[in-house]
Protein backbone atom coordinates (compact mmCIF):
# COMPACT_ATOMS: atom_id res chain seq x y z
CA MET A 1 -9.93 -7.53 18.28
CA TYR A 2 -12.65 -7.64 15.64
CA ASN A 3 -12.09 -10.41 13.08
CA GLN A 4 -13.65 -10.39 9.66
CA GLN A 5 -15.07 -13.46 8.01
CA PRO A 6 -12.48 -15.82 6.51
CA ASN A 7 -11.67 -15.45 2.84
CA ASN A 8 -13.43 -18.44 1.27
CA SER A 9 -11.73 -17.92 -2.10
CA ASN A 10 -8.45 -19.11 -0.54
CA PRO A 11 -9.25 -21.66 2.17
CA GLY A 12 -5.56 -22.15 3.02
CA ALA A 13 -5.02 -18.45 3.73
CA PRO A 14 -4.54 -17.48 7.37
CA HIS A 15 -7.42 -15.66 9.07
CA ILE A 16 -6.32 -12.02 9.40
CA GLY A 17 -8.20 -9.58 11.61
CA VAL A 18 -8.96 -6.00 10.61
CA THR A 19 -6.33 -4.63 13.01
CA GLN A 20 -3.65 -6.89 11.55
CA GLN A 21 -4.56 -5.81 8.01
CA ALA A 22 -4.07 -2.16 8.91
CA GLN A 23 -0.60 -2.97 10.28
CA ARG A 24 0.62 -4.94 7.26
CA PRO A 25 2.90 -3.11 4.83
CA SER A 26 1.50 -2.48 1.37
CA GLY A 27 2.70 -4.70 -1.40
CA MET A 28 1.95 -7.74 -3.49
CA THR A 29 2.75 -11.40 -3.89
CA CYS A 30 5.45 -12.30 -6.41
CA PRO A 31 3.89 -14.31 -9.26
CA ILE A 32 7.06 -16.44 -9.56
CA CYS A 33 8.26 -17.29 -6.04
CA GLY A 34 5.23 -16.31 -3.95
CA GLY A 35 7.32 -14.02 -1.74
CA PHE A 36 6.03 -10.68 -0.50
CA ILE A 37 7.11 -7.62 -2.50
CA PRO A 38 6.75 -4.46 -0.42
CA VAL A 39 5.68 -1.55 -2.62
CA SER A 40 4.09 1.80 -1.83
CA MET A 41 1.73 3.87 -3.95
CA GLN A 42 4.52 6.44 -4.34
CA GLN A 43 6.83 3.74 -5.73
CA LEU A 44 4.20 2.60 -8.21
CA VAL A 45 3.93 6.15 -9.55
CA SER A 46 7.61 7.08 -9.57
CA ASP A 47 9.62 3.88 -10.14
CA PRO A 48 9.81 2.28 -13.59
CA ALA A 49 9.77 -1.24 -12.11
CA VAL A 50 9.25 -3.21 -8.90
CA LEU A 51 11.80 -5.85 -7.88
CA CYS A 52 11.06 -8.98 -5.88
CA PRO A 53 13.51 -9.05 -2.96
CA HIS A 54 13.34 -12.87 -2.92
CA CYS A 55 13.91 -13.96 -6.53
CA ALA A 56 14.90 -10.64 -8.20
CA LEU A 57 11.97 -10.75 -10.65
CA ARG A 58 11.58 -7.33 -12.27
CA LEU A 59 7.96 -6.29 -12.76
CA THR A 60 7.36 -3.35 -15.06
CA ILE A 61 4.04 -1.57 -15.11
CA ASN A 62 2.36 -0.82 -18.42
CA LYS A 63 1.70 2.86 -17.75
CA LYS A 64 -0.53 3.32 -20.81
CA GLU A 65 -2.87 0.45 -19.92
CA SER A 66 -2.81 1.45 -16.23
CA GLU A 67 -3.79 5.11 -16.72
CA LEU A 68 -7.03 4.74 -14.75
CA ALA A 69 -5.22 3.10 -11.81
CA PHE A 70 -2.48 5.76 -11.88
CA SER A 71 -5.11 8.48 -11.87
CA ALA A 72 -6.71 6.96 -8.76
CA ILE A 73 -3.32 6.56 -7.02
CA ASN A 74 -2.43 10.18 -7.77
CA LYS A 75 -5.75 11.32 -6.27
CA VAL A 76 -5.05 9.32 -3.10
CA LEU A 77 -1.50 10.70 -2.83
CA GLN A 78 -2.79 14.26 -3.32
CA SER A 79 -5.45 13.73 -0.65
CA GLN A 80 -2.83 12.41 1.77
CA SER A 81 -0.63 15.41 1.06
CA ASP A 82 -3.55 17.81 1.58
CA PHE A 83 -4.45 16.10 4.85
CA ASP A 84 -0.86 16.23 6.13
CA ARG A 85 -0.61 19.91 5.25
CA GLN A 86 -3.94 20.83 6.85
CA SER A 87 -3.71 18.69 9.99
CA ARG A 88 -0.76 20.39 11.62
CA PHE A 89 -1.73 21.50 15.10
CA VAL A 90 -0.55 24.78 16.55
CA TYR A 91 0.34 24.68 20.23
CA ILE A 92 0.54 27.65 22.54
CA ALA A 93 2.77 27.32 25.59
CA GLU A 94 1.38 28.87 28.74
CA LYS A 95 3.30 29.59 31.91
CA ARG A 96 1.66 28.58 35.15
């Protein structure tokens, strides 16, 4: 496995390889308890708040101040949707 250089901004952080990063769920660290809050791009766009499953902190997103980020997320979601729609393979069964 290819490992990237350690993150020097947080020397106590574990060294995570590129493959491991791709397998991690998306989310964020809770600013209160430090627990992991799983959250998808779709949730960020559609849900009014994100809840920490560890301490029940409710994080609301300021939609007005986050317009640029929401625009980028919507572009990514649209691209994913377009890719899913266009990447369906058609198989033809042949008798032998």
